């Protein structure tokens, strides 16, 4: 068995799987009803979120908290509802995914 090849394949799979998992989380939790990758629906586009918080080292924590508690006034008059039912781990995954611009094209 060529363990280097197997390890390489496993590393590749684990590097791409979070993108799919987080898309699934976003869909499951209703994020994609209000947000799209490249255009405003009700809330801002994921790409716009990524641009706004680019370089902010505390953005994941801020965004996870915003998803959990909801918010208003940052992107316009329509408030974002709170999502307290989402686990802290999933909140951080969703925040990190949104801050990368959402779904990969």
C-alpha atoms as a PDB file:
ATOM      1  CA  UNK A   1       0.000   0.000   0.000  1.00  0.00           C
ATOM      2  CA  UNK A   2       1.175   3.484  -0.807  1.00  0.00           C
ATOM      3  CA  UNK A   3       0.487   5.361   2.408  1.00  0.00           C
ATOM      4  CA  UNK A   4       1.669   8.675   1.008  1.00  0.00           C
ATOM      5  CA  UNK A   5      -0.996   8.560  -1.695  1.00  0.00           C
ATOM      6  CA  UNK A   6      -3.679   7.541   0.783  1.00  0.00           C
ATOM      7  CA  UNK A   7      -2.643  10.312   3.140  1.00  0.00           C
ATOM      8  CA  UNK A   8      -2.667  12.794   0.277  1.00  0.00           C
ATOM      9  CA  UNK A   9      -6.190  11.784  -0.741  1.00  0.00           C
ATOM     10  CA  UNK A  10      -7.418  12.000   2.857  1.00  0.00           C
ATOM     11  CA  UNK A  11      -5.887  15.455   3.303  1.00  0.00           C
ATOM     12  CA  UNK A  12      -7.480  16.611   0.069  1.00  0.00           C
ATOM     13  CA  UNK A  13     -10.911  15.305   1.087  1.00  0.00           C
ATOM     14  CA  UNK A  14     -10.733  16.931   4.503  1.00  0.00           C
ATOM     15  CA  UNK A  15      -9.665  20.226   2.947  1.00  0.00           C
ATOM     16  CA  UNK A  16     -12.706  20.395   0.647  1.00  0.00           C
ATOM     17  CA  UNK A  17     -15.348  18.753   2.836  1.00  0.00           C
ATOM     18  CA  UNK A  18     -15.935  21.763   5.140  1.00  0.00           C
ATOM     19  CA  UNK A  19     -17.169  23.786   2.167  1.00  0.00           C
ATOM     20  CA  UNK A  20     -19.840  21.183   1.464  1.00  0.00           C
ATOM     21  CA  UNK A  21     -20.661  20.672   5.137  1.00  0.00           C
ATOM     22  CA  UNK A  22     -21.085  24.390   5.726  1.00  0.00           C
ATOM     23  CA  UNK A  23     -23.248  24.820   2.623  1.00  0.00           C
ATOM     24  CA  UNK A  24     -25.395  22.070   4.067  1.00  0.00           C
ATOM     25  CA  UNK A  25     -25.453  23.793   7.470  1.00  0.00           C
ATOM     26  CA  UNK A  26     -26.409  27.090   5.852  1.00  0.00           C
ATOM     27  CA  UNK A  27     -29.245  25.484   3.928  1.00  0.00           C
ATOM     28  CA  UNK A  28     -30.422  23.453   6.935  1.00  0.00           C
ATOM     29  CA  UNK A  29     -30.523  26.536   9.163  1.00  0.00           C
ATOM     30  CA  UNK A  30     -32.263  28.798   6.655  1.00  0.00           C
ATOM     31  CA  UNK A  31     -29.298  31.085   5.901  1.00  0.00           C
ATOM     32  CA  UNK A  32     -29.715  30.683   2.159  1.00  0.00           C
ATOM     33  CA  UNK A  33     -33.321  31.898   2.324  1.00  0.00           C
ATOM     34  CA  UNK A  34     -31.986  35.411   3.012  1.00  0.00           C
ATOM     35  CA  UNK A  35     -28.382  35.309   1.757  1.00  0.00           C
ATOM     36  CA  UNK A  36     -26.799  34.330  -1.563  1.00  0.00           C
ATOM     37  CA  UNK A  37     -23.163  34.138  -2.533  1.00  0.00           C
ATOM     38  CA  UNK A  38     -23.026  37.099  -4.880  1.00  0.00           C
ATOM     39  CA  UNK A  39     -26.234  39.115  -4.490  1.00  0.00           C
ATOM     40  CA  UNK A  40     -28.372  40.656  -1.796  1.00  0.00           C
ATOM     41  CA  UNK A  41     -31.640  38.844  -1.199  1.00  0.00           C
ATOM     42  CA  UNK A  42     -33.007  40.032   2.144  1.00  0.00           C
ATOM     43  CA  UNK A  43     -29.632  40.056   3.843  1.00  0.00           C
ATOM     44  CA  UNK A  44     -26.263  40.889   2.313  1.00  0.00           C
ATOM     45  CA  UNK A  45     -24.407  38.606  -0.086  1.00  0.00           C
ATOM     46  CA  UNK A  46     -21.860  36.312   1.534  1.00  0.00           C
ATOM     47  CA  UNK A  47     -19.196  37.912  -0.680  1.00  0.00           C
ATOM     48  CA  UNK A  48     -20.094  41.355   0.697  1.00  0.00           C
ATOM     49  CA  UNK A  49     -19.877  40.024   4.260  1.00  0.00           C
ATOM     50  CA  UNK A  50     -16.439  38.588   3.491  1.00  0.00           C
ATOM     51  CA  UNK A  51     -15.256  41.930   2.067  1.00  0.00           C
ATOM     52  CA  UNK A  52     -16.581  43.952   4.990  1.00  0.00           C
ATOM     53  CA  UNK A  53     -14.846  41.823   7.620  1.00  0.00           C
ATOM     54  CA  UNK A  54     -11.688  41.028   5.658  1.00  0.00           C
ATOM     55  CA  UNK A  55      -8.658  41.345   7.913  1.00  0.00           C
ATOM     56  CA  UNK A  56     -10.736  41.423  11.132  1.00  0.00           C
ATOM     57  CA  UNK A  57      -9.173  38.707  13.293  1.00  0.00           C
ATOM     58  CA  UNK A  58     -12.173  38.649  15.622  1.00  0.00           C
ATOM     59  CA  UNK A  59     -14.733  38.397  12.819  1.00  0.00           C
ATOM     60  CA  UNK A  60     -15.546  34.701  13.308  1.00  0.00           C
ATOM     61  CA  UNK A  61     -16.460  35.240  16.952  1.00  0.00           C
ATOM     62  CA  UNK A  62     -18.431  38.403  16.143  1.00  0.00           C
ATOM     63  CA  UNK A  63     -20.287  36.725  13.299  1.00  0.00           C
ATOM     64  CA  UNK A  64     -21.056  33.586  15.308  1.00  0.00           C
ATOM     65  CA  UNK A  65     -22.535  35.771  18.050  1.00  0.00           C
ATOM     66  CA  UNK A  66     -24.525  37.779  15.485  1.00  0.00           C
ATOM     67  CA  UNK A  67     -25.970  34.580  14.004  1.00  0.00           C
ATOM     68  CA  UNK A  68     -26.906  33.341  17.484  1.00  0.00           C
ATOM     69  CA  UNK A  69     -28.479  36.539  18.820  1.00  0.00           C
ATOM     70  CA  UNK A  70     -29.612  38.204  15.594  1.00  0.00           C
ATOM     71  CA  UNK A  71     -29.044  41.827  14.744  1.00  0.00           C
ATOM     72  CA  UNK A  72     -30.244  44.897  12.931  1.00  0.00           C
ATOM     73  CA  UNK A  73     -28.996  48.093  11.408  1.00  0.00           C
ATOM     74  CA  UNK A  74     -25.616  46.921  10.101  1.00  0.00           C
ATOM     75  CA  UNK A  75     -26.822  46.042   6.588  1.00  0.00           C
ATOM     76  CA  UNK A  76     -30.118  47.902   6.479  1.00  0.00           C
ATOM     77  CA  UNK A  77     -33.469  48.097   8.223  1.00  0.00           C
ATOM     78  CA  UNK A  78     -34.469  44.412   8.034  1.00  0.00           C
ATOM     79  CA  UNK A  79     -33.332  42.600  11.195  1.00  0.00           C
ATOM     80  CA  UNK A  80     -31.654  39.203  11.098  1.00  0.00           C
ATOM     81  CA  UNK A  81     -33.511  36.766  13.344  1.00  0.00           C
ATOM     82  CA  UNK A  82     -31.712  35.031  16.203  1.00  0.00           C
ATOM     83  CA  UNK A  83     -30.700  31.395  15.824  1.00  0.00           C
ATOM     84  CA  UNK A  84     -30.093  30.260  19.424  1.00  0.00           C
ATOM     85  CA  UNK A  85     -30.762  26.616  18.541  1.00  0.00           C
ATOM     86  CA  UNK A  86     -27.545  26.313  16.498  1.00  0.00           C
ATOM     87  CA  UNK A  87     -24.653  24.776  18.437  1.00  0.00           C
ATOM     88  CA  UNK A  88     -21.585  26.902  19.151  1.00  0.00           C
ATOM     89  CA  UNK A  89     -19.452  24.675  16.901  1.00  0.00           C
ATOM     90  CA  UNK A  90     -21.911  25.035  14.015  1.00  0.00           C
ATOM     91  CA  UNK A  91     -22.154  28.796  14.612  1.00  0.00           C
ATOM     92  CA  UNK A  92     -18.376  29.098  14.242  1.00  0.00           C
ATOM     93  CA  UNK A  93     -18.400  26.909  11.113  1.00  0.00           C
ATOM     94  CA  UNK A  94     -21.178  28.983   9.546  1.00  0.00           C
ATOM     95  CA  UNK A  95     -19.407  32.213  10.450  1.00  0.00           C
ATOM     96  CA  UNK A  96     -16.093  31.047   8.982  1.00  0.00           C
ATOM     97  CA  UNK A  97     -17.851  29.837   5.844  1.00  0.00           C
ATOM     98  CA  UNK A  98     -19.768  33.115   5.406  1.00  0.00           C
ATOM     99  CA  UNK A  99     -16.569  35.089   5.943  1.00  0.00           C
ATOM    100  CA  UNK A 100     -14.987  33.166   3.058  1.00  0.00           C
ATOM    101  CA  UNK A 101     -17.777  34.367   0.778  1.00  0.00           C
ATOM    102  CA  UNK A 102     -20.160  31.445   1.161  1.00  0.00           C
ATOM    103  CA  UNK A 103     -20.601  28.824  -1.541  1.00  0.00           C
ATOM    104  CA  UNK A 104     -17.648  28.261  -3.828  1.00  0.00           C
ATOM    105  CA  UNK A 105     -18.374  28.834  -7.487  1.00  0.00           C
END
